[in-house]
């Protein structure tokens, strides 16, 4: 039989037979011991994938048990995995199929959310939740209603009213209008994100610090520092504009392209950290390089004198200060622009919590955080006892779409399984197929695991290892060549967490009839400004 490893990490490219591999592993465990049906957990991320996996396992168990031709490939692989003869494989497959169909509730092929919801219900007493709580999936609807209720009761909560007023003033200052209800609902959705939940307690402590005056003091301190830095950034430009005016050479046409407008823009307080224009870079080098080619001789001499007598020094000071002070200045600006929102997030979270309590409702997005708090420091057998199962084998599909908090919760179970003798666990993923960033999926979790273990051919017996599934059985070489071309030119460590080398490339795994007219077309979709803003928000 194929040697058992505590953990096998599969990197499975699109169309590489991932579902086949998972089904073979699952069936092999059942054929090795039909009673394993009680001890296997397989999780993925969509209901569709769950149903596909269940159907594949049941249909192939039936096919193997009854010697159907469509199951011959599975039969060969299961015999290879288990080391059993054909008769024993068929007998055990028939028994496993009977056990699964008669004890279907133990057929644990589930979405990751469904699994943790089951754990949550079984831990309702320990988590101080009512057993008949209603789980709600619609975060946005619940949050929107809670914000409406919060706004309607502002008269009874002067502190929150002050925060809303500050937010309105900030919006008016940024020329975004005073009608902020929609904006409050939009940024309020962040309360359901893991990064907010991870720091919610710290935020609450800060809001209560210094008798509730911390935020006011901190805001005043930031504004003062921002104004000081802005003055330091703007002053050299204002002095330079004044010097130009005194010399009567304050006209853009006299200067090389972009120089005069660049200085004036800075003098008016318009600050950014865009790359220095080429014309300005030249002017920074020498006073002789300030003027336009069509500038008259007299004006050219006047500009040269002005530059040599303070102008060049001020221009250089502008750039030196920008390089030195920009990061701190921008940090002050960005922090101030979100402080009002941060205070309101706390109020929105409390409003949602009260609404949920009154409706005996629990939000699906709260599951992971609540369980993580419960799991920390507890022993794994207690959790198994509460969920009513002793797991020995875990399979995690689409592992690249796991978030940090989901992984922290699952790691407790996986570590326990891996420590058991004879346990066989696997995780399957592909960074290129990560699509759940908006749910805080972190593909680096999968990538770290894949890089950590040796290839199976190099691993010692009984050692965890990795396997690469790179052959694509779904597409022609023309399509694969085009996909490889795109990924090779787009993916990198900086963008996409990996360099697109030979291991990542898609390779032909099936033969197709020759077709000289087969070609690949690329269609570029132009996003609207609104869609672009939404994508930026998700990325942030």
Protein backbone atom coordinates (compact mmCIF):
# COMPACT_ATOMS: atom_id res chain seq x y z
CA UNK A 1 0.00 0.00 0.00
CA UNK A 2 0.93 3.62 -0.44
CA UNK A 3 2.70 4.85 2.68
CA UNK A 4 0.62 6.94 5.04
CA UNK A 5 1.70 10.47 5.79
CA UNK A 6 0.30 12.66 8.60
CA UNK A 7 -0.27 15.47 6.09
CA UNK A 8 -0.07 15.77 2.31
CA UNK A 9 -0.24 19.23 0.74
CA UNK A 10 -1.50 19.20 -2.84
CA UNK A 11 -0.94 22.14 -5.15
CA UNK A 12 -3.69 21.52 -7.70
CA UNK A 13 -3.95 23.74 -10.77
CA UNK A 14 -7.26 24.22 -12.58
CA UNK A 15 -8.49 21.08 -14.34
CA UNK A 16 -5.76 18.91 -12.81
CA UNK A 17 -8.05 16.25 -11.34
CA UNK A 18 -8.39 17.71 -7.85
CA UNK A 19 -11.89 16.32 -7.23
CA UNK A 20 -10.72 12.92 -8.49
CA UNK A 21 -7.76 13.00 -6.07
CA UNK A 22 -9.94 13.98 -3.10
CA UNK A 23 -12.52 11.31 -3.91
CA UNK A 24 -9.81 8.63 -4.25
CA UNK A 25 -8.31 9.61 -0.87
CA UNK A 26 -11.72 9.58 0.82
CA UNK A 27 -12.74 6.24 -0.73
CA UNK A 28 -9.36 4.72 0.11
CA UNK A 29 -9.86 5.56 3.78
CA UNK A 30 -13.31 3.94 3.70
CA UNK A 31 -12.07 0.83 1.88
CA UNK A 32 -9.14 0.46 4.34
CA UNK A 33 -11.66 0.44 7.18
CA UNK A 34 -15.40 0.95 6.46
CA UNK A 35 -15.86 2.22 10.04
CA UNK A 36 -13.76 5.26 9.08
CA UNK A 37 -16.97 6.92 7.84
CA UNK A 38 -17.41 8.18 11.42
CA UNK A 39 -13.95 9.71 11.62
CA UNK A 40 -13.45 11.64 8.35
CA UNK A 41 -14.14 15.34 7.84
CA UNK A 42 -13.85 16.93 4.40
CA UNK A 43 -14.47 20.66 4.05
CA UNK A 44 -14.69 23.00 1.09
CA UNK A 45 -16.05 26.50 0.51
CA UNK A 46 -19.24 26.17 -1.57
CA UNK A 47 -22.41 24.10 -1.36
CA UNK A 48 -21.99 23.15 -5.02
CA UNK A 49 -18.54 21.66 -4.39
CA UNK A 50 -19.90 19.82 -1.35
CA UNK A 51 -22.71 18.22 -3.34
CA UNK A 52 -20.35 17.33 -6.19
CA UNK A 53 -17.93 15.65 -3.79
CA UNK A 54 -20.66 13.65 -2.01
CA UNK A 55 -22.15 12.48 -5.30
CA UNK A 56 -18.72 11.50 -6.62
CA UNK A 57 -17.89 9.44 -3.50
CA UNK A 58 -21.24 7.63 -3.38
CA UNK A 59 -21.41 6.93 -7.10
CA UNK A 60 -17.84 5.60 -7.22
CA UNK A 61 -18.33 3.44 -4.12
CA UNK A 62 -21.35 1.92 -5.89
CA UNK A 63 -19.38 1.55 -9.14
CA UNK A 64 -16.43 -0.15 -7.40
CA UNK A 65 -18.72 -2.45 -5.41
CA UNK A 66 -20.55 -3.52 -8.55
CA UNK A 67 -17.56 -3.62 -10.97
CA UNK A 68 -18.94 -0.88 -13.23
CA UNK A 69 -16.62 0.12 -16.12
CA UNK A 70 -16.91 3.82 -15.24
CA UNK A 71 -15.20 3.15 -11.92
CA UNK A 72 -12.21 1.19 -13.25
CA UNK A 73 -9.81 4.14 -12.84
CA UNK A 74 -10.94 4.66 -9.23
CA UNK A 75 -10.64 0.93 -8.59
CA UNK A 76 -7.01 0.91 -9.74
CA UNK A 77 -6.09 3.94 -7.63
CA UNK A 78 -7.83 2.60 -4.50
CA UNK A 79 -6.07 -0.75 -4.86
CA UNK A 80 -2.76 1.13 -5.19
CA UNK A 81 -3.50 3.27 -2.13
CA UNK A 82 -4.72 0.48 0.14
CA UNK A 83 -2.67 -2.51 -1.05
CA UNK A 84 -5.83 -4.64 -0.99
CA UNK A 85 -6.92 -7.11 -3.67
CA UNK A 86 -9.86 -6.48 -5.98
CA UNK A 87 -12.27 -8.73 -4.05
CA UNK A 88 -11.46 -7.08 -0.69
CA UNK A 89 -11.81 -3.59 -2.20
CA UNK A 90 -15.26 -4.43 -3.64
CA UNK A 91 -16.45 -6.03 -0.40
CA UNK A 92 -15.29 -3.10 1.75
CA UNK A 93 -16.68 -0.56 -0.73
CA UNK A 94 -20.10 -2.26 -0.52
CA UNK A 95 -19.97 -2.23 3.29
CA UNK A 96 -18.83 1.43 3.42
CA UNK A 97 -21.62 2.45 1.04
CA UNK A 98 -24.20 0.71 3.22
CA UNK A 99 -22.85 2.36 6.38
CA UNK A 100 -22.83 5.82 4.78
CA UNK A 101 -26.38 5.58 3.46
CA UNK A 102 -27.72 4.23 6.78
CA UNK A 103 -25.79 6.78 8.87
CA UNK A 104 -25.84 9.71 6.48
CA UNK A 105 -25.44 12.30 9.23
CA UNK A 106 -21.87 10.99 9.69
CA UNK A 107 -21.09 11.70 6.02
CA UNK A 108 -19.19 14.86 6.87
CA UNK A 109 -18.46 16.51 3.56
CA UNK A 110 -19.38 20.09 4.44
CA UNK A 111 -18.70 23.72 3.74
CA UNK A 112 -16.37 25.28 6.27
CA UNK A 113 -19.20 27.54 7.47
CA UNK A 114 -21.61 24.58 7.93
CA UNK A 115 -19.02 22.70 9.98
CA UNK A 116 -18.33 25.59 12.33
CA UNK A 117 -22.05 26.33 12.64
CA UNK A 118 -22.53 22.77 13.87
CA UNK A 119 -19.73 23.25 16.38
CA UNK A 120 -21.29 26.54 17.47
CA UNK A 121 -24.71 24.99 18.13
CA UNK A 122 -23.14 22.20 20.17
CA UNK A 123 -21.23 24.78 22.21
CA UNK A 124 -24.24 27.06 22.69
CA UNK A 125 -24.31 26.59 26.47
CA UNK A 126 -20.57 27.23 26.92
CA UNK A 127 -20.79 30.29 24.66
CA UNK A 128 -23.85 31.61 26.53
CA UNK A 129 -26.08 31.31 23.46
CA UNK A 130 -29.65 30.03 23.38
CA UNK A 131 -30.03 26.66 21.69
CA UNK A 132 -32.83 27.97 19.42
CA UNK A 133 -30.88 30.97 18.15
CA UNK A 134 -31.52 31.98 14.53
CA UNK A 135 -28.46 32.21 12.30
CA UNK A 136 -28.59 35.11 9.85
CA UNK A 137 -26.45 35.35 6.71
CA UNK A 138 -27.36 38.88 5.63
CA UNK A 139 -24.83 41.06 7.44
CA UNK A 140 -25.57 44.15 5.34
CA UNK A 141 -29.32 44.12 5.94
CA UNK A 142 -28.96 43.69 9.71
CA UNK A 143 -26.28 46.39 9.89
CA UNK A 144 -28.36 48.80 7.77
CA UNK A 145 -31.40 48.46 10.04
CA UNK A 146 -29.21 48.87 13.14
CA UNK A 147 -27.74 52.11 11.72
CA UNK A 148 -31.24 53.44 10.99
CA UNK A 149 -32.28 52.70 14.58
CA UNK A 150 -29.09 54.32 15.90
CA UNK A 151 -29.75 57.51 13.87
CA UNK A 152 -33.38 57.65 15.03
CA UNK A 153 -32.30 57.57 18.69
CA UNK A 154 -29.46 60.11 18.49
CA UNK A 155 -31.34 62.53 20.79
CA UNK A 156 -31.01 59.97 23.58
CA UNK A 157 -27.29 59.48 22.95
CA UNK A 158 -25.47 62.83 22.78
CA UNK A 159 -22.04 61.16 22.63
CA UNK A 160 -22.88 59.30 19.39
CA UNK A 161 -24.59 62.44 18.06
CA UNK A 162 -21.30 64.28 18.55
CA UNK A 163 -19.43 61.58 16.63
CA UNK A 164 -21.93 61.79 13.76
CA UNK A 165 -21.60 65.58 13.74
CA UNK A 166 -17.81 65.29 13.59
CA UNK A 167 -18.13 62.86 10.70
CA UNK A 168 -20.48 65.23 8.84
CA UNK A 169 -18.04 68.11 9.36
CA UNK A 170 -15.19 65.95 8.09
CA UNK A 171 -17.21 65.08 4.98
CA UNK A 172 -18.06 68.74 4.32
CA UNK A 173 -14.39 69.65 4.75
CA UNK A 174 -13.53 66.97 2.17
CA UNK A 175 -16.30 68.28 -0.15
CA UNK A 176 -18.27 65.04 0.10
CA UNK A 177 -21.58 66.52 1.29
CA UNK A 178 -23.50 66.34 4.54
CA UNK A 179 -25.88 63.43 3.81
CA UNK A 180 -23.82 60.66 5.37
CA UNK A 181 -26.30 57.87 6.19
CA UNK A 182 -25.34 55.79 3.16
CA UNK A 183 -21.63 56.27 3.84
CA UNK A 184 -22.06 55.27 7.51
CA UNK A 185 -23.84 52.07 6.47
CA UNK A 186 -21.12 51.30 3.94
CA UNK A 187 -18.10 51.64 6.21
CA UNK A 188 -20.13 50.13 9.08
CA UNK A 189 -19.98 46.78 7.28
CA UNK A 190 -16.38 46.54 8.48
CA UNK A 191 -17.65 45.38 11.90
CA UNK A 192 -18.22 41.95 10.36
CA UNK A 193 -14.64 41.63 9.13
CA UNK A 194 -12.06 39.56 11.00
CA UNK A 195 -9.57 42.43 11.22
CA UNK A 196 -12.14 44.54 13.14
CA UNK A 197 -13.12 41.67 15.43
CA UNK A 198 -9.44 41.00 16.21
CA UNK A 199 -9.02 44.56 17.53
CA UNK A 200 -12.52 45.36 18.80
CA UNK A 201 -11.61 44.96 22.46
CA UNK A 202 -8.58 47.25 22.08
CA UNK A 203 -10.79 49.86 20.41
CA UNK A 204 -13.33 49.67 23.23
CA UNK A 205 -10.57 50.14 25.79
CA UNK A 206 -9.26 53.21 23.95
CA UNK A 207 -12.72 54.74 23.73
CA UNK A 208 -13.08 54.37 27.49
CA UNK A 209 -9.54 55.59 28.28
CA UNK A 210 -9.02 58.84 30.19
CA UNK A 211 -12.68 59.02 31.07
CA UNK A 212 -13.70 58.88 27.44
CA UNK A 213 -11.51 61.85 26.50
CA UNK A 214 -8.69 59.95 24.81
CA UNK A 215 -10.04 60.31 21.28
CA UNK A 216 -10.61 64.06 21.63
CA UNK A 217 -7.10 64.60 22.97
CA UNK A 218 -5.56 62.33 20.34
CA UNK A 219 -7.48 64.07 17.54
CA UNK A 220 -6.32 67.50 18.69
CA UNK A 221 -2.73 66.25 18.89
CA UNK A 222 -2.88 64.83 15.35
CA UNK A 223 -4.42 68.00 13.90
CA UNK A 224 -1.72 70.12 15.48
CA UNK A 225 1.02 67.88 14.09
CA UNK A 226 -0.62 67.76 10.65
CA UNK A 227 -0.80 71.56 10.49
CA UNK A 228 2.84 71.90 11.56
CA UNK A 229 3.99 69.45 8.90
CA UNK A 230 1.82 71.07 6.21
CA UNK A 231 3.38 74.45 7.00
CA UNK A 232 6.88 72.99 6.74
CA UNK A 233 6.00 71.39 3.38
CA UNK A 234 4.37 74.50 1.94
CA UNK A 235 6.59 77.33 3.24
CA UNK A 236 9.55 76.89 0.81
CA UNK A 237 7.15 76.96 -2.16
CA UNK A 238 5.41 80.10 -0.88
CA UNK A 239 8.76 81.83 -0.37
CA UNK A 240 9.79 80.87 -3.89
CA UNK A 241 6.55 82.17 -5.43
CA UNK A 242 7.01 85.43 -3.51
CA UNK A 243 10.61 85.70 -4.76
CA UNK A 244 9.46 85.21 -8.35
CA UNK A 245 6.87 87.95 -7.89
CA UNK A 246 9.42 90.37 -6.47
CA UNK A 247 11.60 89.82 -9.56
CA UNK A 248 8.56 90.23 -11.88
CA UNK A 249 9.16 86.83 -13.46
CA UNK A 250 6.02 85.06 -12.18
CA UNK A 251 4.73 83.77 -15.51
CA UNK A 252 4.57 80.03 -16.39
CA UNK A 253 5.65 80.59 -20.01
CA UNK A 254 9.09 81.77 -18.92
CA UNK A 255 9.97 78.49 -17.21
CA UNK A 256 10.72 75.03 -18.50
CA UNK A 257 7.67 72.81 -18.82
CA UNK A 258 5.87 72.04 -15.56
CA UNK A 259 8.26 73.85 -13.23
CA UNK A 260 6.28 77.01 -12.43
CA UNK A 261 2.92 75.22 -12.02
CA UNK A 262 4.58 72.61 -9.79
CA UNK A 263 5.85 75.34 -7.44
CA UNK A 264 2.55 77.26 -7.42
CA UNK A 265 0.53 74.10 -6.76
CA UNK A 266 2.67 73.33 -3.72
CA UNK A 267 2.44 76.92 -2.48
CA UNK A 268 -1.37 76.65 -2.44
CA UNK A 269 -1.20 73.65 -0.13
CA UNK A 270 -1.92 70.93 -2.70
CA UNK A 271 0.32 68.13 -1.46
CA UNK A 272 1.00 64.69 -2.90
CA UNK A 273 3.85 62.25 -3.23
CA UNK A 274 3.77 61.72 -6.97
CA UNK A 275 7.13 61.28 -8.74
CA UNK A 276 8.94 64.57 -9.35
CA UNK A 277 8.31 65.71 -12.97
CA UNK A 278 11.30 65.45 -15.32
CA UNK A 279 11.45 69.23 -15.81
CA UNK A 280 11.62 69.84 -12.08
CA UNK A 281 14.33 67.19 -11.69
CA UNK A 282 16.50 69.05 -14.23
CA UNK A 283 15.84 72.42 -12.54
CA UNK A 284 17.00 70.94 -9.22
CA UNK A 285 20.45 70.38 -10.74
CA UNK A 286 21.35 73.83 -12.10
CA UNK A 287 19.97 77.40 -12.21
CA UNK A 288 20.71 77.46 -15.96
CA UNK A 289 18.05 74.76 -16.53
CA UNK A 290 15.08 76.75 -15.22
CA UNK A 291 14.00 78.62 -18.34
CA UNK A 292 11.91 77.71 -21.37
CA UNK A 293 13.61 77.52 -24.75
CA UNK A 294 11.54 80.49 -26.04
CA UNK A 295 12.34 82.66 -23.03
CA UNK A 296 13.87 86.05 -23.95
CA UNK A 297 17.48 86.81 -23.08
CA UNK A 298 16.61 89.41 -20.40
CA UNK A 299 14.06 87.18 -18.66
CA UNK A 300 16.43 84.23 -18.92
CA UNK A 301 19.14 86.21 -17.13
CA UNK A 302 16.66 87.42 -14.46
CA UNK A 303 15.46 83.88 -13.76
CA UNK A 304 19.04 82.63 -13.57
CA UNK A 305 19.93 85.37 -11.05
CA UNK A 306 16.81 84.66 -9.00
CA UNK A 307 17.59 80.93 -8.94
CA UNK A 308 21.21 81.54 -7.91
CA UNK A 309 20.13 83.95 -5.17
CA UNK A 310 17.79 81.70 -3.21
CA UNK A 311 15.44 80.13 -5.77
CA UNK A 312 17.42 76.93 -6.32
CA UNK A 313 17.94 76.52 -2.57
CA UNK A 314 14.17 76.87 -1.95
CA UNK A 315 13.31 74.38 -4.72
CA UNK A 316 15.75 71.87 -3.27
CA UNK A 317 14.34 72.50 0.19
CA UNK A 318 10.84 71.76 -1.17
CA UNK A 319 11.93 68.35 -2.38
CA UNK A 320 14.08 67.53 0.65
CA UNK A 321 11.21 68.27 3.02
CA UNK A 322 8.77 66.27 0.91
CA UNK A 323 11.03 63.21 1.02
CA UNK A 324 11.57 63.61 4.76
CA UNK A 325 8.11 64.66 5.99
CA UNK A 326 5.59 63.20 3.54
CA UNK A 327 5.06 59.83 5.23
CA UNK A 328 4.36 61.35 8.63
CA UNK A 329 2.15 64.06 7.14
CA UNK A 330 0.12 61.57 5.13
CA UNK A 331 -0.20 59.29 8.16
CA UNK A 332 -1.72 62.19 10.13
CA UNK A 333 -4.11 63.03 7.28
CA UNK A 334 -5.25 59.44 6.74
CA UNK A 335 -5.63 58.74 10.46
CA UNK A 336 -7.68 61.90 11.00
CA UNK A 337 -9.92 61.07 8.05
CA UNK A 338 -10.86 57.74 9.66
CA UNK A 339 -11.00 58.59 13.37
CA UNK A 340 -14.65 59.66 13.23
CA UNK A 341 -15.47 56.45 11.37
CA UNK A 342 -13.58 54.41 13.99
CA UNK A 343 -15.64 55.85 16.82
CA UNK A 344 -18.84 55.27 14.86
CA UNK A 345 -17.87 51.67 14.16
CA UNK A 346 -17.95 51.05 17.89
CA UNK A 347 -21.44 52.55 18.12
CA UNK A 348 -22.65 50.56 15.10
CA UNK A 349 -21.26 47.32 16.55
CA UNK A 350 -23.16 47.94 19.79
CA UNK A 351 -26.35 48.74 17.86
CA UNK A 352 -26.05 45.50 15.86
CA UNK A 353 -25.32 43.51 19.02
CA UNK A 354 -28.43 44.89 20.73
CA UNK A 355 -30.57 44.25 17.63
CA UNK A 356 -29.34 40.65 17.43
CA UNK A 357 -29.96 40.07 21.12
CA UNK A 358 -33.54 41.36 20.85
CA UNK A 359 -34.20 39.15 17.81
CA UNK A 360 -32.40 36.07 19.27
CA UNK A 361 -30.25 36.19 16.16
CA UNK A 362 -26.64 35.22 15.55
CA UNK A 363 -24.62 36.44 12.59
CA UNK A 364 -22.77 33.85 10.53
CA UNK A 365 -19.78 36.21 10.30
CA UNK A 366 -19.40 36.13 14.11
CA UNK A 367 -18.87 32.37 14.22
CA UNK A 368 -15.11 32.23 13.71
CA UNK A 369 -14.27 34.94 16.23
CA UNK A 370 -16.52 33.50 18.91
CA UNK A 371 -15.14 29.99 18.46
CA UNK A 372 -11.57 31.24 18.44
CA UNK A 373 -12.10 32.82 21.83
CA UNK A 374 -13.56 29.53 23.06
CA UNK A 375 -10.84 27.33 21.54
CA UNK A 376 -7.87 29.34 22.83
CA UNK A 377 -6.28 27.46 25.69
CA UNK A 378 -8.87 24.65 25.72
CA UNK A 379 -8.08 21.00 25.13
CA UNK A 380 -9.11 19.51 21.80
CA UNK A 381 -10.81 16.38 23.26
CA UNK A 382 -13.34 18.69 24.94
CA UNK A 383 -14.25 20.14 21.55
CA UNK A 384 -14.57 16.67 20.01
CA UNK A 385 -16.82 15.63 22.88
CA UNK A 386 -19.08 18.61 22.29
CA UNK A 387 -19.36 18.07 18.53
CA UNK A 388 -20.06 14.38 19.13
CA UNK A 389 -17.31 12.91 16.96
CA UNK A 390 -13.75 11.65 17.16
CA UNK A 391 -12.00 12.83 14.00
CA UNK A 392 -8.93 11.04 12.67
CA UNK A 393 -8.70 12.28 9.10
CA UNK A 394 -9.27 15.81 7.79
CA UNK A 395 -9.35 16.99 4.18
CA UNK A 396 -9.48 20.69 3.39
CA UNK A 397 -10.26 21.74 -0.17
CA UNK A 398 -9.69 25.24 -1.64
CA UNK A 399 -7.24 25.91 1.18
CA UNK A 400 -6.02 29.09 -0.56
CA UNK A 401 -9.35 30.70 0.42
CA UNK A 402 -8.92 30.14 4.16
CA UNK A 403 -8.76 33.23 6.37
CA UNK A 404 -6.35 33.57 9.27
CA UNK A 405 -9.05 33.13 11.92
CA UNK A 406 -10.57 30.11 10.13
CA UNK A 407 -7.13 28.53 10.01
CA UNK A 408 -6.46 29.22 13.68
CA UNK A 409 -9.72 27.46 14.56
CA UNK A 410 -9.09 24.52 12.22
CA UNK A 411 -5.46 24.09 13.19
CA UNK A 412 -6.49 22.81 16.63
CA UNK A 413 -8.40 19.93 15.03
CA UNK A 414 -5.81 19.21 12.35
CA UNK A 415 -2.93 19.09 14.85
CA UNK A 416 -4.85 16.60 16.96
CA UNK A 417 -5.57 14.37 13.97
CA UNK A 418 -1.96 14.46 12.76
CA UNK A 419 -0.80 13.32 16.20
CA UNK A 420 -2.87 10.11 15.96
CA UNK A 421 -1.24 6.95 14.63
CA UNK A 422 -2.45 6.03 11.15
CA UNK A 423 -4.01 9.43 10.53
CA UNK A 424 -3.99 10.64 6.92
CA UNK A 425 -4.81 14.30 6.30
CA UNK A 426 -4.59 16.47 3.23
CA UNK A 427 -5.02 20.05 2.18
CA UNK A 428 -5.53 21.12 -1.42
CA UNK A 429 -5.09 24.58 -2.87
CA UNK A 430 -3.81 26.81 -5.63
CA UNK A 431 -2.88 30.45 -5.05
CA UNK A 432 -3.87 31.32 -8.65
CA UNK A 433 -7.47 30.38 -7.85
CA UNK A 434 -7.88 32.48 -4.70
CA UNK A 435 -11.18 34.38 -5.10
CA UNK A 436 -12.29 35.09 -1.52
CA UNK A 437 -10.10 38.05 -0.64
CA UNK A 438 -13.27 40.02 0.16
CA UNK A 439 -13.81 37.49 2.97
CA UNK A 440 -10.21 37.99 4.12
CA UNK A 441 -8.88 34.81 2.53
CA UNK A 442 -5.10 34.68 2.91
CA UNK A 443 -3.42 32.54 0.18
CA UNK A 444 -0.12 32.85 2.05
CA UNK A 445 -1.37 30.28 4.57
CA UNK A 446 -1.46 27.64 1.84
CA UNK A 447 1.76 28.85 0.26
CA UNK A 448 3.62 28.68 3.59
CA UNK A 449 2.50 25.08 4.08
CA UNK A 450 3.43 24.08 0.55
CA UNK A 451 6.90 25.61 0.85
CA UNK A 452 7.44 24.09 4.31
CA UNK A 453 7.25 20.41 3.34
CA UNK A 454 9.55 18.38 1.04
CA UNK A 455 8.31 16.86 -2.22
CA UNK A 456 6.88 13.37 -1.72
CA UNK A 457 9.78 11.75 -3.63
CA UNK A 458 12.27 13.36 -1.22
CA UNK A 459 10.32 12.83 2.02
CA UNK A 460 11.19 10.12 4.50
CA UNK A 461 8.72 7.35 5.21
CA UNK A 462 5.89 8.62 7.39
CA UNK A 463 6.94 12.25 6.90
CA UNK A 464 4.48 14.92 5.76
CA UNK A 465 5.05 15.98 2.16
CA UNK A 466 3.74 17.94 -0.81
CA UNK A 467 2.55 16.87 -4.24
CA UNK A 468 2.10 18.92 -7.42
CA UNK A 469 -0.87 18.37 -9.73
CA UNK A 470 -0.03 20.51 -12.76
CA UNK A 471 -1.45 18.53 -15.68
CA UNK A 472 -4.66 20.02 -17.02
CA UNK A 473 -7.19 17.53 -18.39
CA UNK A 474 -9.78 20.15 -19.29
CA UNK A 475 -8.28 22.37 -22.01
CA UNK A 476 -6.25 22.30 -25.22
CA UNK A 477 -2.64 23.43 -25.31
CA UNK A 478 -3.71 26.64 -27.10
CA UNK A 479 -5.79 27.70 -24.08
CA UNK A 480 -3.13 26.63 -21.60
CA UNK A 481 -0.39 28.50 -23.46
CA UNK A 482 -2.50 31.67 -23.34
CA UNK A 483 -3.24 31.23 -19.61
CA UNK A 484 0.45 30.63 -18.89
CA UNK A 485 1.35 33.75 -20.88
CA UNK A 486 -1.02 35.91 -18.81
CA UNK A 487 0.00 34.48 -15.44
CA UNK A 488 3.71 34.62 -16.28
CA UNK A 489 3.45 38.34 -17.05
CA UNK A 490 1.18 39.24 -14.13
CA UNK A 491 2.05 37.09 -11.12
CA UNK A 492 5.04 37.81 -8.91
CA UNK A 493 6.00 37.67 -5.24
CA UNK A 494 4.92 41.30 -4.95
CA UNK A 495 1.57 40.77 -6.70
CA UNK A 496 0.05 37.36 -6.17
CA UNK A 497 2.42 35.94 -3.54
CA UNK A 498 4.38 33.76 -5.98
CA UNK A 499 6.64 33.87 -9.00
CA UNK A 500 5.09 32.00 -11.92
CA UNK A 501 7.68 29.33 -12.64
CA UNK A 502 7.54 25.81 -14.06
CA UNK A 503 5.81 24.41 -10.95
CA UNK A 504 2.95 26.86 -11.35
CA UNK A 505 2.56 26.50 -15.12
CA UNK A 506 -0.35 24.56 -16.62
CA UNK A 507 0.62 21.50 -18.68
CA UNK A 508 -1.47 19.48 -21.13
CA UNK A 509 -2.85 16.31 -19.56
CA UNK A 510 -5.26 15.09 -22.25
CA UNK A 511 -5.05 14.60 -26.00
CA UNK A 512 -7.45 16.29 -28.41
CA UNK A 513 -7.96 15.98 -32.20
CA UNK A 514 -5.81 18.41 -34.17
CA UNK A 515 -7.58 21.67 -34.99
CA UNK A 516 -5.50 24.26 -36.88
CA UNK A 517 -8.27 26.86 -36.50
CA UNK A 518 -8.24 26.66 -32.69
CA UNK A 519 -7.13 29.96 -31.17
CA UNK A 520 -7.51 31.94 -27.97
CA UNK A 521 -9.26 35.30 -27.70
CA UNK A 522 -8.79 37.84 -24.92
CA UNK A 523 -11.70 40.10 -23.98
CA UNK A 524 -10.89 43.12 -21.84
CA UNK A 525 -13.71 44.36 -19.62
CA UNK A 526 -13.65 48.07 -18.92
CA UNK A 527 -14.81 48.75 -15.37
CA UNK A 528 -16.96 51.74 -14.55
CA UNK A 529 -15.70 54.27 -12.03
CA UNK A 530 -18.19 52.96 -9.46
CA UNK A 531 -17.05 49.35 -9.94
CA UNK A 532 -13.43 50.46 -9.71
CA UNK A 533 -14.08 52.22 -6.39
CA UNK A 534 -15.79 49.09 -5.06
CA UNK A 535 -12.81 46.94 -6.01
CA UNK A 536 -10.43 49.39 -4.32
CA UNK A 537 -12.56 49.26 -1.18
CA UNK A 538 -12.47 45.46 -1.19
CA UNK A 539 -8.73 45.42 -1.75
CA UNK A 540 -8.22 47.84 1.16
